[in-house]
C-alpha atoms as a PDB file:
ATOM      1  CA  MET A   1       0.000   0.000   0.000  1.00  0.00           C
ATOM      2  CA  ALA A   2       2.704   2.509   0.968  1.00  0.00           C
ATOM      3  CA  ARG A   3       4.613   1.676  -2.199  1.00  0.00           C
ATOM      4  CA  ASN A   4       1.564   2.476  -4.357  1.00  0.00           C
ATOM      5  CA  LYS A   5       1.150   5.744  -2.456  1.00  0.00           C
ATOM      6  CA  LEU A   6       4.775   6.680  -3.144  1.00  0.00           C
ATOM      7  CA  ASN A   7       4.338   5.840  -6.835  1.00  0.00           C
ATOM      8  CA  LYS A   8       1.274   8.078  -7.056  1.00  0.00           C
ATOM      9  CA  PHE A   9       3.080  10.823  -5.165  1.00  0.00           C
ATOM     10  CA  SER A  10       5.942  10.658  -7.662  1.00  0.00           C
ATOM     11  CA  GLU A  11       3.721  10.362 -10.738  1.00  0.00           C
ATOM     12  CA  VAL A  12       1.477  13.299  -9.825  1.00  0.00           C
ATOM     13  CA  SER A  13       4.523  15.577 -10.174  1.00  0.00           C
ATOM     14  CA  SER A  14       4.641  14.731 -13.885  1.00  0.00           C
ATOM     15  CA  PHE A  15       1.015  15.692 -14.655  1.00  0.00           C
ATOM     16  CA  ARG A  16       0.635  18.864 -16.720  1.00  0.00           C
ATOM     17  CA  ASN A  17      -2.466  19.861 -14.723  1.00  0.00           C
ATOM     18  CA  VAL A  18      -0.761  19.792 -11.304  1.00  0.00           C
ATOM     19  CA  TYR A  19       1.317  22.526  -9.681  1.00  0.00           C
ATOM     20  CA  GLU A  20       3.165  21.873  -6.448  1.00  0.00           C
ATOM     21  CA  ASN A  21       4.628  23.805  -3.578  1.00  0.00           C
ATOM     22  CA  ARG A  22       7.165  21.231  -2.415  1.00  0.00           C
ATOM     23  CA  ASN A  23       8.652  23.186   0.452  1.00  0.00           C
ATOM     24  CA  ALA A  24       6.453  25.258   2.756  1.00  0.00           C
ATOM     25  CA  GLN A  25       9.565  27.078   3.990  1.00  0.00           C
ATOM     26  CA  MET A  26      10.358  28.271   0.450  1.00  0.00           C
ATOM     27  CA  PRO A  27       7.053  29.161  -1.210  1.00  0.00           C
ATOM     28  CA  GLY A  28       7.008  28.705  -4.938  1.00  0.00           C
ATOM     29  CA  LEU A  29       5.335  26.451  -7.459  1.00  0.00           C
ATOM     30  CA  THR A  30       6.775  23.878  -9.812  1.00  0.00           C
ATOM     31  CA  ASN A  31       5.183  22.449 -12.945  1.00  0.00           C
ATOM     32  CA  GLU A  32       5.338  18.964 -14.465  1.00  0.00           C
ATOM     33  CA  ALA A  33       8.917  19.558 -15.641  1.00  0.00           C
ATOM     34  CA  GLY A  34       9.997  20.516 -12.126  1.00  0.00           C
ATOM     35  CA  GLU A  35      10.509  24.116 -13.245  1.00  0.00           C
ATOM     36  CA  LYS A  36       9.593  27.038 -11.021  1.00  0.00           C
ATOM     37  CA  VAL A  37       6.523  28.835 -12.322  1.00  0.00           C
ATOM     38  CA  GLU A  38       4.721  31.991 -11.239  1.00  0.00           C
ATOM     39  CA  MET A  39       0.965  31.434 -11.288  1.00  0.00           C
ATOM     40  CA  LYS A  40      -0.222  34.172  -8.933  1.00  0.00           C
ATOM     41  CA  GLY A  41      -2.527  36.351 -11.008  1.00  0.00           C
ATOM     42  CA  LYS A  42      -1.811  34.243 -14.091  1.00  0.00           C
ATOM     43  CA  TRP A  43      -3.917  31.086 -13.730  1.00  0.00           C
ATOM     44  CA  GLY A  44      -6.230  32.134 -16.548  1.00  0.00           C
ATOM     45  CA  SER A  45      -3.534  33.154 -19.002  1.00  0.00           C
ATOM     46  CA  ASN A  46      -0.741  30.707 -18.138  1.00  0.00           C
ATOM     47  CA  HIS A  47      -2.588  27.489 -17.379  1.00  0.00           C
ATOM     48  CA  PHE A  48      -6.152  27.651 -18.668  1.00  0.00           C
ATOM     49  CA  LYS A  49      -5.358  29.947 -21.627  1.00  0.00           C
ATOM     50  CA  ASN A  50      -8.605  31.841 -21.061  1.00  0.00           C
ATOM     51  CA  GLU A  51     -10.104  34.363 -18.688  1.00  0.00           C
ATOM     52  CA  HIS A  52     -13.066  32.294 -17.510  1.00  0.00           C
ATOM     53  CA  PRO A  53     -14.137  32.524 -13.859  1.00  0.00           C
ATOM     54  CA  ILE A  54     -12.011  30.504 -11.419  1.00  0.00           C
ATOM     55  CA  THR A  55     -13.468  28.268  -8.717  1.00  0.00           C
ATOM     56  CA  LEU A  56     -11.331  26.713  -5.966  1.00  0.00           C
ATOM     57  CA  GLU A  57     -12.163  23.448  -4.213  1.00  0.00           C
ATOM     58  CA  LEU A  58     -10.274  23.549  -0.910  1.00  0.00           C
ATOM     59  CA  ALA A  59      -9.191  20.299   0.742  1.00  0.00           C
ATOM     60  CA  CYS A  60     -10.240  18.644  -2.506  1.00  0.00           C
ATOM     61  CA  GLY A  61      -8.947  15.144  -1.772  1.00  0.00           C
ATOM     62  CA  ARG A  62      -9.410  13.259  -5.028  1.00  0.00           C
ATOM     63  CA  GLY A  63     -11.058  16.291  -6.623  1.00  0.00           C
ATOM     64  CA  GLU A  64     -14.546  14.897  -7.075  1.00  0.00           C
ATOM     65  CA  TYR A  65     -16.209  18.323  -6.961  1.00  0.00           C
ATOM     66  CA  SER A  66     -13.641  19.935  -9.255  1.00  0.00           C
ATOM     67  CA  LEU A  67     -14.136  17.130 -11.769  1.00  0.00           C
ATOM     68  CA  GLY A  68     -17.924  17.157 -11.517  1.00  0.00           C
ATOM     69  CA  LEU A  69     -18.166  20.925 -11.769  1.00  0.00           C
ATOM     70  CA  GLY A  70     -15.643  20.936 -14.605  1.00  0.00           C
ATOM     71  CA  ARG A  71     -17.833  18.539 -16.572  1.00  0.00           C
ATOM     72  CA  LEU A  72     -20.997  20.544 -15.892  1.00  0.00           C
ATOM     73  CA  PHE A  73     -19.528  23.993 -16.506  1.00  0.00           C
ATOM     74  CA  PRO A  74     -16.961  23.967 -19.335  1.00  0.00           C
ATOM     75  CA  GLU A  75     -17.144  27.777 -19.421  1.00  0.00           C
ATOM     76  CA  ARG A  76     -15.519  27.976 -15.965  1.00  0.00           C
ATOM     77  CA  ASN A  77     -12.103  26.967 -14.592  1.00  0.00           C
ATOM     78  CA  PHE A  78     -11.660  24.801 -11.481  1.00  0.00           C
ATOM     79  CA  ILE A  79      -8.643  24.291  -9.244  1.00  0.00           C
ATOM     80  CA  GLY A  80      -8.615  21.586  -6.592  1.00  0.00           C
ATOM     81  CA  VAL A  81      -6.304  22.393  -3.680  1.00  0.00           C
ATOM     82  CA  ASP A  82      -4.918  19.807  -1.265  1.00  0.00           C
ATOM     83  CA  ILE A  83      -1.606  18.954   0.378  1.00  0.00           C
ATOM     84  CA  LYS A  84      -1.824  15.212  -0.274  1.00  0.00           C
ATOM     85  CA  GLY A  85      -0.240  14.321  -3.610  1.00  0.00           C
ATOM     86  CA  ALA A  86      -1.464  10.729  -3.589  1.00  0.00           C
ATOM     87  CA  ARG A  87      -5.057  11.991  -3.243  1.00  0.00           C
ATOM     88  CA  ILE A  88      -4.744  14.608  -5.985  1.00  0.00           C
ATOM     89  CA  TRP A  89      -3.307  11.919  -8.275  1.00  0.00           C
ATOM     90  CA  GLN A  90      -6.693  10.332  -8.931  1.00  0.00           C
ATOM     91  CA  GLY A  91      -8.492  13.557  -9.822  1.00  0.00           C
ATOM     92  CA  ALA A  92      -5.620  14.839 -11.936  1.00  0.00           C
ATOM     93  CA  GLN A  93      -5.408  11.547 -13.822  1.00  0.00           C
ATOM     94  CA  ILE A  94      -9.162  11.552 -14.516  1.00  0.00           C
ATOM     95  CA  ALA A  95      -9.073  15.174 -15.697  1.00  0.00           C
ATOM     96  CA  LEU A  96      -6.283  14.317 -18.139  1.00  0.00           C
ATOM     97  CA  ALA A  97      -8.014  11.146 -19.372  1.00  0.00           C
ATOM     98  CA  GLU A  98     -11.277  13.046 -19.960  1.00  0.00           C
ATOM     99  CA  SER A  99      -9.514  16.077 -21.489  1.00  0.00           C
ATOM    100  CA  LEU A 100     -10.995  18.360 -18.845  1.00  0.00           C
ATOM    101  CA  ASP A 101      -8.727  21.275 -19.667  1.00  0.00           C
ATOM    102  CA  ASN A 102     -10.729  23.482 -17.309  1.00  0.00           C
ATOM    103  CA  VAL A 103      -9.630  21.470 -14.244  1.00  0.00           C
ATOM    104  CA  ALA A 104      -6.244  21.830 -12.542  1.00  0.00           C
ATOM    105  CA  PHE A 105      -4.792  20.945  -9.149  1.00  0.00           C
ATOM    106  CA  LEU A 106      -2.595  22.791  -6.684  1.00  0.00           C
ATOM    107  CA  ARG A 107      -0.669  20.806  -4.100  1.00  0.00           C
ATOM    108  CA  THR A 108       0.039  23.099  -1.189  1.00  0.00           C
ATOM    109  CA  ARG A 109      -0.947  23.864   2.371  1.00  0.00           C
ATOM    110  CA  ILE A 110      -4.108  25.957   2.395  1.00  0.00           C
ATOM    111  CA  GLU A 111      -2.474  28.253   4.960  1.00  0.00           C
ATOM    112  CA  GLN A 112      -0.326  29.475   2.061  1.00  0.00           C
ATOM    113  CA  ILE A 113      -3.117  29.971  -0.471  1.00  0.00           C
ATOM    114  CA  GLU A 114      -2.557  33.736  -0.650  1.00  0.00           C
ATOM    115  CA  LEU A 115       0.918  33.142  -2.076  1.00  0.00           C
ATOM    116  CA  PHE A 116      -0.524  31.575  -5.214  1.00  0.00           C
ATOM    117  CA  PHE A 117      -3.566  33.750  -6.045  1.00  0.00           C
ATOM    118  CA  GLU A 118      -3.882  37.501  -6.493  1.00  0.00           C
ATOM    119  CA  PRO A 119      -6.561  39.399  -4.574  1.00  0.00           C
ATOM    120  CA  GLY A 120      -9.726  39.226  -6.658  1.00  0.00           C
ATOM    121  CA  GLU A 121      -8.485  36.388  -8.883  1.00  0.00           C
ATOM    122  CA  VAL A 122     -11.015  33.841  -7.600  1.00  0.00           C
ATOM    123  CA  ASP A 123     -14.766  33.936  -8.257  1.00  0.00           C
ATOM    124  CA  GLU A 124     -15.942  31.095  -6.029  1.00  0.00           C
ATOM    125  CA  ILE A 125     -14.637  28.775  -3.300  1.00  0.00           C
ATOM    126  CA  TRP A 126     -15.991  25.368  -2.304  1.00  0.00           C
ATOM    127  CA  ILE A 127     -15.133  23.744   1.048  1.00  0.00           C
ATOM    128  CA  THR A 128     -16.969  20.438   0.949  1.00  0.00           C
ATOM    129  CA  PHE A 129     -15.597  18.002   3.533  1.00  0.00           C
ATOM    130  CA  PRO A 130     -12.853  19.669   5.590  1.00  0.00           C
ATOM    131  CA  ASP A 131     -11.176  18.019   8.543  1.00  0.00           C
ATOM    132  CA  PRO A 132     -13.382  19.038  11.521  1.00  0.00           C
ATOM    133  CA  PHE A 133     -10.564  19.411  14.120  1.00  0.00           C
ATOM    134  CA  LEU A 134     -12.958  18.579  16.928  1.00  0.00           C
ATOM    135  CA  ARG A 135     -10.731  19.512  19.858  1.00  0.00           C
ATOM    136  CA  GLU A 136     -11.348  23.002  21.152  1.00  0.00           C
ATOM    137  CA  SER A 137      -7.606  23.715  21.061  1.00  0.00           C
ATOM    138  CA  LYS A 138      -7.547  23.116  17.296  1.00  0.00           C
ATOM    139  CA  THR A 139     -10.514  25.243  16.204  1.00  0.00           C
ATOM    140  CA  ASP A 140      -8.198  27.760  14.523  1.00  0.00           C
ATOM    141  CA  ARG A 141      -7.074  24.987  12.143  1.00  0.00           C
ATOM    142  CA  ARG A 142     -10.588  24.511  10.750  1.00  0.00           C
ATOM    143  CA  LEU A 143     -10.857  25.690   7.149  1.00  0.00           C
ATOM    144  CA  THR A 144     -14.088  27.452   8.115  1.00  0.00           C
ATOM    145  CA  SER A 145     -12.579  29.360  11.056  1.00  0.00           C
ATOM    146  CA  ALA A 146     -12.595  33.157  11.004  1.00  0.00           C
ATOM    147  CA  PRO A 147      -8.872  33.521  10.131  1.00  0.00           C
ATOM    148  CA  PHE A 148      -9.253  31.234   7.110  1.00  0.00           C
ATOM    149  CA  LEU A 149     -12.471  32.910   5.952  1.00  0.00           C
ATOM    150  CA  LYS A 150     -10.727  36.288   6.110  1.00  0.00           C
ATOM    151  CA  ARG A 151      -7.882  34.860   4.016  1.00  0.00           C
ATOM    152  CA  TYR A 152     -10.317  33.542   1.390  1.00  0.00           C
ATOM    153  CA  ALA A 153     -12.250  36.814   1.263  1.00  0.00           C
ATOM    154  CA  GLY A 154      -9.082  38.541   0.104  1.00  0.00           C
ATOM    155  CA  LEU A 155      -8.838  36.203  -2.884  1.00  0.00           C
ATOM    156  CA  LEU A 156     -12.432  36.619  -4.005  1.00  0.00           C
ATOM    157  CA  LYS A 157     -13.686  39.088  -6.560  1.00  0.00           C
ATOM    158  CA  PRO A 158     -16.357  41.487  -5.285  1.00  0.00           C
ATOM    159  CA  GLY A 159     -19.546  39.456  -4.980  1.00  0.00           C
ATOM    160  CA  GLY A 160     -17.588  36.185  -4.883  1.00  0.00           C
ATOM    161  CA  THR A 161     -19.050  33.221  -3.028  1.00  0.00           C
ATOM    162  CA  ILE A 162     -17.832  30.690  -0.468  1.00  0.00           C
ATOM    163  CA  HIS A 163     -19.836  27.445  -0.360  1.00  0.00           C
END
C-alpha cells in the first residue's frame, strides 16, 4: 500500500495539470517539468489559456467536486487544492483522461493559499468536507474558522461566493 502511495506521489509531479509547492519554507510552485513557475494572477492566461471565472475546491482530496463541476460547466475553470499528492493523483489523472482542460490541481498547504492567487483572482470557493478538528484547542485549524475565511475573502472578486 505505501509503495503504491509513493508511486502516485511521484507520478502526480509529472502531470501537466498539477502545480506543487514542495517546500512550505520556500514558497514557490513547480510544474510537471519541475521548473519554477509563477501562477499568482496568471492562472487564466498561463494554465487555462482563457479568462473564464475561477473556482477553488479547498481540501479537494481526489477532486470529485472539481471534476464534476468541470464537466458541468466547461465555461468555468476549477482548481482543486490539497496537500496530499497521492489523493490529488486520482483527480488529476481523470481530468487528463477526460480532457478536462478546465480542471487543474494545486498541491500546497491551504495556509499558504494567498501566495498563489492575487486578490480578486477567484470567483468562487468550495469547502466540501474539511477536517473538523474537533478539539477546542484546534478550532483555529478549521478551514471554516474566522482567520481562514478572512484569508479567502481577500482572494475573491467582489460578490464572490464561499460554499
